[in-house]
Amino acid sequence: MKKIYQEWIEKAEGDFNSANREIRARKNPNYDAACFHAQQCVEKYLKALLQKTQTYLPKIHDLNNLLSMLIDEVPSLEFYRNDLKLLTAYAVEFRYPGESATKADAKECEK
């Protein structure tokens, strides 16, 4: 189990680095991608914790649902629930035509 836990962490770190690169890009920043990768980063960290504490790992992307599955094990995560609601929307909100992330949206993801 330790190996898969570490793989989730490594994937989360990759998304974290991708989000940060896009937020800080001076030429042609892709704020949509920054927001998406920020959401993916948190999702993968939560799934790493789930992998470590439970055997069941759902194939869902809703960060608050994942958080709810962890609250008994890590109650202090409740503090992040409102932020996770915002990030969950970024998993799909900016991936398709009609909506685009702004620099302010991307900066909000940094928090």
N, C-alpha and C. Protein backbone atom coordinates (compact mmCIF):
# COMPACT_ATOMS: atom_id res chain seq x y z
N MET A 1 0.83 -1.20 0.00
CA MET A 1 0.00 0.00 0.00
C MET A 1 0.87 1.26 0.00
N LYS A 2 2.02 1.21 0.63
CA LYS A 2 2.85 2.39 0.71
C LYS A 2 3.24 2.90 -0.68
N LYS A 3 3.50 1.98 -1.59
CA LYS A 3 3.89 2.39 -2.94
C LYS A 3 2.79 3.20 -3.62
N ILE A 4 1.56 2.76 -3.58
CA ILE A 4 0.46 3.48 -4.24
C ILE A 4 0.22 4.82 -3.55
N TYR A 5 0.35 4.86 -2.23
CA TYR A 5 0.24 6.12 -1.50
C TYR A 5 1.29 7.12 -2.02
N GLN A 6 2.50 6.68 -2.17
CA GLN A 6 3.58 7.54 -2.65
C GLN A 6 3.33 7.99 -4.09
N GLU A 7 2.76 7.12 -4.89
CA GLU A 7 2.43 7.49 -6.28
C GLU A 7 1.39 8.60 -6.31
N TRP A 8 0.38 8.52 -5.42
CA TRP A 8 -0.62 9.60 -5.35
C TRP A 8 0.05 10.92 -4.98
N ILE A 9 0.97 10.88 -4.03
CA ILE A 9 1.70 12.08 -3.60
C ILE A 9 2.50 12.66 -4.77
N GLU A 10 3.20 11.81 -5.50
CA GLU A 10 4.00 12.27 -6.63
C GLU A 10 3.13 12.88 -7.72
N LYS A 11 1.98 12.28 -7.99
CA LYS A 11 1.05 12.86 -8.97
C LYS A 11 0.53 14.21 -8.50
N ALA A 12 0.22 14.32 -7.21
CA ALA A 12 -0.25 15.59 -6.65
C ALA A 12 0.82 16.66 -6.79
N GLU A 13 2.07 16.29 -6.49
CA GLU A 13 3.17 17.25 -6.61
C GLU A 13 3.35 17.71 -8.05
N GLY A 14 3.17 16.81 -9.00
CA GLY A 14 3.25 17.18 -10.42
C GLY A 14 2.19 18.21 -10.78
N ASP A 15 0.97 18.00 -10.30
CA ASP A 15 -0.10 18.98 -10.57
C ASP A 15 0.19 20.31 -9.88
N PHE A 16 0.73 20.24 -8.67
CA PHE A 16 1.10 21.47 -7.95
C PHE A 16 2.12 22.27 -8.75
N ASN A 17 3.14 21.58 -9.25
CA ASN A 17 4.17 22.26 -10.03
C ASN A 17 3.61 22.84 -11.33
N SER A 18 2.72 22.10 -11.99
CA SER A 18 2.11 22.60 -13.22
C SER A 18 1.25 23.84 -12.96
N ALA A 19 0.47 23.80 -11.91
CA ALA A 19 -0.36 24.96 -11.56
C ALA A 19 0.51 26.18 -11.27
N ASN A 20 1.55 25.99 -10.51
CA ASN A 20 2.44 27.11 -10.18
C ASN A 20 3.15 27.67 -11.40
N ARG A 21 3.57 26.80 -12.33
CA ARG A 21 4.21 27.29 -13.55
C ARG A 21 3.26 28.19 -14.34
N GLU A 22 2.02 27.76 -14.46
CA GLU A 22 1.05 28.56 -15.24
C GLU A 22 0.69 29.87 -14.54
N ILE A 23 0.58 29.84 -13.24
CA ILE A 23 0.25 31.06 -12.50
C ILE A 23 1.37 32.08 -12.64
N ARG A 24 2.60 31.62 -12.68
CA ARG A 24 3.76 32.51 -12.71
C ARG A 24 4.29 32.81 -14.11
N ALA A 25 3.71 32.18 -15.12
CA ALA A 25 4.19 32.39 -16.48
C ALA A 25 4.06 33.86 -16.88
N ARG A 26 5.11 34.40 -17.44
CA ARG A 26 5.08 35.80 -17.90
C ARG A 26 4.51 35.90 -19.30
N LYS A 27 4.77 34.90 -20.12
CA LYS A 27 4.25 34.88 -21.49
C LYS A 27 3.19 33.80 -21.61
N ASN A 28 2.05 34.18 -22.10
CA ASN A 28 0.97 33.23 -22.38
C ASN A 28 0.58 32.32 -21.22
N PRO A 29 0.31 32.89 -20.05
CA PRO A 29 -0.13 32.02 -18.95
C PRO A 29 -1.48 31.39 -19.27
N ASN A 30 -1.67 30.18 -18.84
CA ASN A 30 -2.93 29.47 -19.04
C ASN A 30 -3.60 29.33 -17.68
N TYR A 31 -4.42 30.32 -17.33
CA TYR A 31 -5.06 30.32 -16.01
C TYR A 31 -6.09 29.21 -15.88
N ASP A 32 -6.70 28.81 -17.01
CA ASP A 32 -7.61 27.66 -16.97
C ASP A 32 -6.86 26.43 -16.47
N ALA A 33 -5.68 26.20 -17.04
CA ALA A 33 -4.88 25.04 -16.65
C ALA A 33 -4.41 25.15 -15.21
N ALA A 34 -4.06 26.36 -14.78
CA ALA A 34 -3.62 26.55 -13.40
C ALA A 34 -4.73 26.15 -12.42
N CYS A 35 -5.95 26.57 -12.70
CA CYS A 35 -7.07 26.23 -11.82
C CYS A 35 -7.36 24.73 -11.85
N PHE A 36 -7.32 24.14 -13.04
CA PHE A 36 -7.55 22.70 -13.17
C PHE A 36 -6.50 21.91 -12.40
N HIS A 37 -5.24 22.26 -12.57
CA HIS A 37 -4.17 21.52 -11.89
C HIS A 37 -4.20 21.73 -10.38
N ALA A 38 -4.65 22.89 -9.94
CA ALA A 38 -4.80 23.12 -8.49
C ALA A 38 -5.85 22.16 -7.93
N GLN A 39 -6.97 22.02 -8.63
CA GLN A 39 -8.01 21.09 -8.19
C GLN A 39 -7.47 19.66 -8.19
N GLN A 40 -6.76 19.31 -9.25
CA GLN A 40 -6.23 17.95 -9.36
C GLN A 40 -5.22 17.65 -8.26
N CYS A 41 -4.42 18.63 -7.93
CA CYS A 41 -3.44 18.48 -6.86
C CYS A 41 -4.12 18.11 -5.54
N VAL A 42 -5.12 18.88 -5.17
CA VAL A 42 -5.82 18.63 -3.91
C VAL A 42 -6.55 17.29 -3.95
N GLU A 43 -7.18 16.99 -5.09
CA GLU A 43 -7.88 15.72 -5.21
C GLU A 43 -6.92 14.55 -4.97
N LYS A 44 -5.73 14.63 -5.54
CA LYS A 44 -4.78 13.53 -5.41
C LYS A 44 -4.19 13.44 -4.00
N TYR A 45 -4.00 14.57 -3.34
CA TYR A 45 -3.56 14.52 -1.94
C TYR A 45 -4.64 13.88 -1.06
N LEU A 46 -5.89 14.26 -1.29
CA LEU A 46 -6.98 13.65 -0.51
C LEU A 46 -7.06 12.15 -0.78
N LYS A 47 -6.89 11.76 -2.02
CA LYS A 47 -6.94 10.34 -2.35
C LYS A 47 -5.74 9.60 -1.76
N ALA A 48 -4.61 10.28 -1.66
CA ALA A 48 -3.46 9.65 -1.00
C ALA A 48 -3.79 9.37 0.47
N LEU A 49 -4.42 10.35 1.13
CA LEU A 49 -4.82 10.14 2.52
C LEU A 49 -5.84 9.02 2.64
N LEU A 50 -6.78 8.99 1.72
CA LEU A 50 -7.76 7.91 1.73
C LEU A 50 -7.07 6.56 1.54
N GLN A 51 -6.13 6.53 0.63
CA GLN A 51 -5.39 5.29 0.37
C GLN A 51 -4.66 4.82 1.62
N LYS A 52 -4.16 5.78 2.37
CA LYS A 52 -3.41 5.45 3.59
C LYS A 52 -4.31 4.99 4.74
N THR A 53 -5.52 5.54 4.79
CA THR A 53 -6.38 5.27 5.94
C THR A 53 -7.49 4.26 5.67
N GLN A 54 -7.80 4.01 4.40
CA GLN A 54 -8.91 3.13 4.06
C GLN A 54 -8.53 2.24 2.88
N THR A 55 -9.32 1.23 2.66
CA THR A 55 -9.09 0.40 1.49
C THR A 55 -9.94 0.85 0.31
N TYR A 56 -11.02 1.56 0.58
CA TYR A 56 -11.92 1.99 -0.49
C TYR A 56 -11.48 3.34 -1.04
N LEU A 57 -11.27 3.42 -2.33
CA LEU A 57 -10.89 4.66 -2.98
C LEU A 57 -11.89 4.93 -4.10
N PRO A 58 -12.81 5.88 -3.89
CA PRO A 58 -13.85 6.13 -4.88
C PRO A 58 -13.30 6.83 -6.12
N LYS A 59 -13.96 6.60 -7.23
CA LYS A 59 -13.59 7.29 -8.47
C LYS A 59 -14.51 8.50 -8.62
N ILE A 60 -14.29 9.48 -7.73
CA ILE A 60 -15.06 10.73 -7.77
C ILE A 60 -14.07 11.89 -7.76
N HIS A 61 -14.58 13.06 -8.14
CA HIS A 61 -13.73 14.24 -8.22
C HIS A 61 -14.19 15.36 -7.30
N ASP A 62 -15.29 15.15 -6.61
CA ASP A 62 -15.83 16.16 -5.70
C ASP A 62 -14.99 16.18 -4.42
N LEU A 63 -14.28 17.28 -4.22
CA LEU A 63 -13.35 17.37 -3.10
C LEU A 63 -14.05 17.33 -1.75
N ASN A 64 -15.24 17.91 -1.66
CA ASN A 64 -15.97 17.86 -0.38
C ASN A 64 -16.43 16.45 -0.05
N ASN A 65 -16.79 15.67 -1.05
CA ASN A 65 -17.14 14.27 -0.79
C ASN A 65 -15.93 13.49 -0.30
N LEU A 66 -14.79 13.74 -0.93
CA LEU A 66 -13.56 13.09 -0.48
C LEU A 66 -13.21 13.52 0.94
N LEU A 67 -13.36 14.81 1.20
CA LEU A 67 -13.09 15.32 2.55
C LEU A 67 -13.99 14.64 3.58
N SER A 68 -15.26 14.51 3.26
CA SER A 68 -16.20 13.88 4.18
C SER A 68 -15.78 12.46 4.53
N MET A 69 -15.16 11.79 3.59
CA MET A 69 -14.71 10.42 3.84
C MET A 69 -13.50 10.38 4.78
N LEU A 70 -12.82 11.52 4.92
CA LEU A 70 -11.61 11.59 5.74
C LEU A 70 -11.81 12.24 7.10
N ILE A 71 -12.92 12.91 7.31
CA ILE A 71 -13.13 13.73 8.50
C ILE A 71 -12.94 12.94 9.80
N ASP A 72 -13.40 11.72 9.85
CA ASP A 72 -13.23 10.94 11.08
C ASP A 72 -11.76 10.69 11.39
N GLU A 73 -10.97 10.49 10.36
CA GLU A 73 -9.53 10.23 10.53
C GLU A 73 -8.72 11.50 10.76
N VAL A 74 -9.11 12.59 10.05
CA VAL A 74 -8.36 13.85 10.11
C VAL A 74 -9.35 15.01 10.28
N PRO A 75 -9.90 15.20 11.48
CA PRO A 75 -10.93 16.22 11.70
C PRO A 75 -10.48 17.65 11.36
N SER A 76 -9.22 17.93 11.47
CA SER A 76 -8.73 19.29 11.21
C SER A 76 -8.92 19.70 9.75
N LEU A 77 -9.15 18.76 8.85
CA LEU A 77 -9.37 19.10 7.45
C LEU A 77 -10.68 19.85 7.22
N GLU A 78 -11.58 19.78 8.18
CA GLU A 78 -12.87 20.48 8.06
C GLU A 78 -12.66 21.97 7.79
N PHE A 79 -11.60 22.52 8.28
CA PHE A 79 -11.27 23.93 8.09
C PHE A 79 -11.24 24.32 6.60
N TYR A 80 -10.95 23.39 5.73
CA TYR A 80 -10.77 23.67 4.30
C TYR A 80 -12.02 23.46 3.44
N ARG A 81 -13.12 23.09 4.06
CA ARG A 81 -14.31 22.71 3.29
C ARG A 81 -14.76 23.78 2.30
N ASN A 82 -14.84 25.04 2.70
CA ASN A 82 -15.29 26.09 1.79
C ASN A 82 -14.34 26.29 0.61
N ASP A 83 -13.05 26.22 0.88
CA ASP A 83 -12.06 26.34 -0.19
C ASP A 83 -12.18 25.18 -1.18
N LEU A 84 -12.47 24.02 -0.67
CA LEU A 84 -12.59 22.85 -1.54
C LEU A 84 -13.80 22.95 -2.45
N LYS A 85 -14.84 23.61 -1.98
CA LYS A 85 -16.03 23.81 -2.81
C LYS A 85 -15.65 24.61 -4.06
N LEU A 86 -14.87 25.65 -3.87
CA LEU A 86 -14.41 26.48 -4.99
C LEU A 86 -13.55 25.66 -5.94
N LEU A 87 -12.59 24.93 -5.41
CA LEU A 87 -11.69 24.14 -6.25
C LEU A 87 -12.41 23.04 -7.01
N THR A 88 -13.42 22.44 -6.41
CA THR A 88 -14.16 21.39 -7.10
C THR A 88 -14.74 21.90 -8.41
N ALA A 89 -15.25 23.11 -8.39
CA ALA A 89 -15.82 23.69 -9.60
C ALA A 89 -14.76 23.85 -10.69
N TYR A 90 -13.53 24.09 -10.29
CA TYR A 90 -12.46 24.30 -11.27
C TYR A 90 -12.07 23.03 -12.01
N ALA A 91 -12.53 21.89 -11.57
CA ALA A 91 -12.24 20.64 -12.27
C ALA A 91 -12.86 20.63 -13.66
N VAL A 92 -13.99 21.33 -13.81
CA VAL A 92 -14.66 21.33 -15.12
C VAL A 92 -15.04 22.72 -15.61
N GLU A 93 -15.19 23.67 -14.73
CA GLU A 93 -15.72 24.98 -15.10
C GLU A 93 -14.97 25.65 -16.24
N PHE A 94 -13.65 25.59 -16.23
CA PHE A 94 -12.86 26.30 -17.22
C PHE A 94 -12.30 25.40 -18.32
N ARG A 95 -12.73 24.17 -18.36
CA ARG A 95 -12.17 23.24 -19.34
C ARG A 95 -12.86 23.32 -20.69
N TYR A 96 -13.99 23.96 -20.77
CA TYR A 96 -14.76 23.98 -22.00
C TYR A 96 -15.09 25.42 -22.39
N PRO A 97 -15.41 25.66 -23.66
CA PRO A 97 -15.74 27.02 -24.10
C PRO A 97 -16.88 27.62 -23.29
N GLY A 98 -16.82 28.93 -23.17
CA GLY A 98 -17.88 29.65 -22.47
C GLY A 98 -17.41 30.31 -21.20
N GLU A 99 -16.41 29.73 -20.56
CA GLU A 99 -15.85 30.29 -19.32
C GLU A 99 -14.33 30.22 -19.39
N SER A 100 -13.70 31.24 -18.88
CA SER A 100 -12.24 31.25 -18.80
C SER A 100 -11.82 31.77 -17.44
N ALA A 101 -10.77 31.18 -16.91
CA ALA A 101 -10.23 31.61 -15.62
C ALA A 101 -9.45 32.91 -15.81
N THR A 102 -9.48 33.71 -14.78
CA THR A 102 -8.72 34.95 -14.77
C THR A 102 -7.48 34.77 -13.89
N LYS A 103 -6.63 35.74 -13.93
CA LYS A 103 -5.45 35.70 -13.05
C LYS A 103 -5.91 35.65 -11.59
N ALA A 104 -6.97 36.39 -11.27
CA ALA A 104 -7.50 36.39 -9.90
C ALA A 104 -8.00 35.00 -9.50
N ASP A 105 -8.65 34.29 -10.44
CA ASP A 105 -9.10 32.92 -10.15
C ASP A 105 -7.89 32.03 -9.84
N ALA A 106 -6.86 32.15 -10.66
CA ALA A 106 -5.66 31.34 -10.46
C ALA A 106 -4.98 31.68 -9.14
N LYS A 107 -4.93 32.95 -8.81
CA LYS A 107 -4.32 33.36 -7.53
C LYS A 107 -5.11 32.80 -6.36
N GLU A 108 -6.42 32.74 -6.51
CA GLU A 108 -7.28 32.18 -5.44
C GLU A 108 -6.93 30.72 -5.19
N CYS A 109 -6.53 30.02 -6.24
CA CYS A 109 -6.14 28.62 -6.11
C CYS A 109 -4.85 28.43 -5.32
N GLU A 110 -4.03 29.46 -5.30
CA GLU A 110 -2.75 29.37 -4.60
C GLU A 110 -2.92 29.27 -3.08
N LYS A 111 -4.03 29.72 -2.59
CA LYS A 111 -4.24 29.76 -1.15
C LYS A 111 -4.29 28.41 -0.55
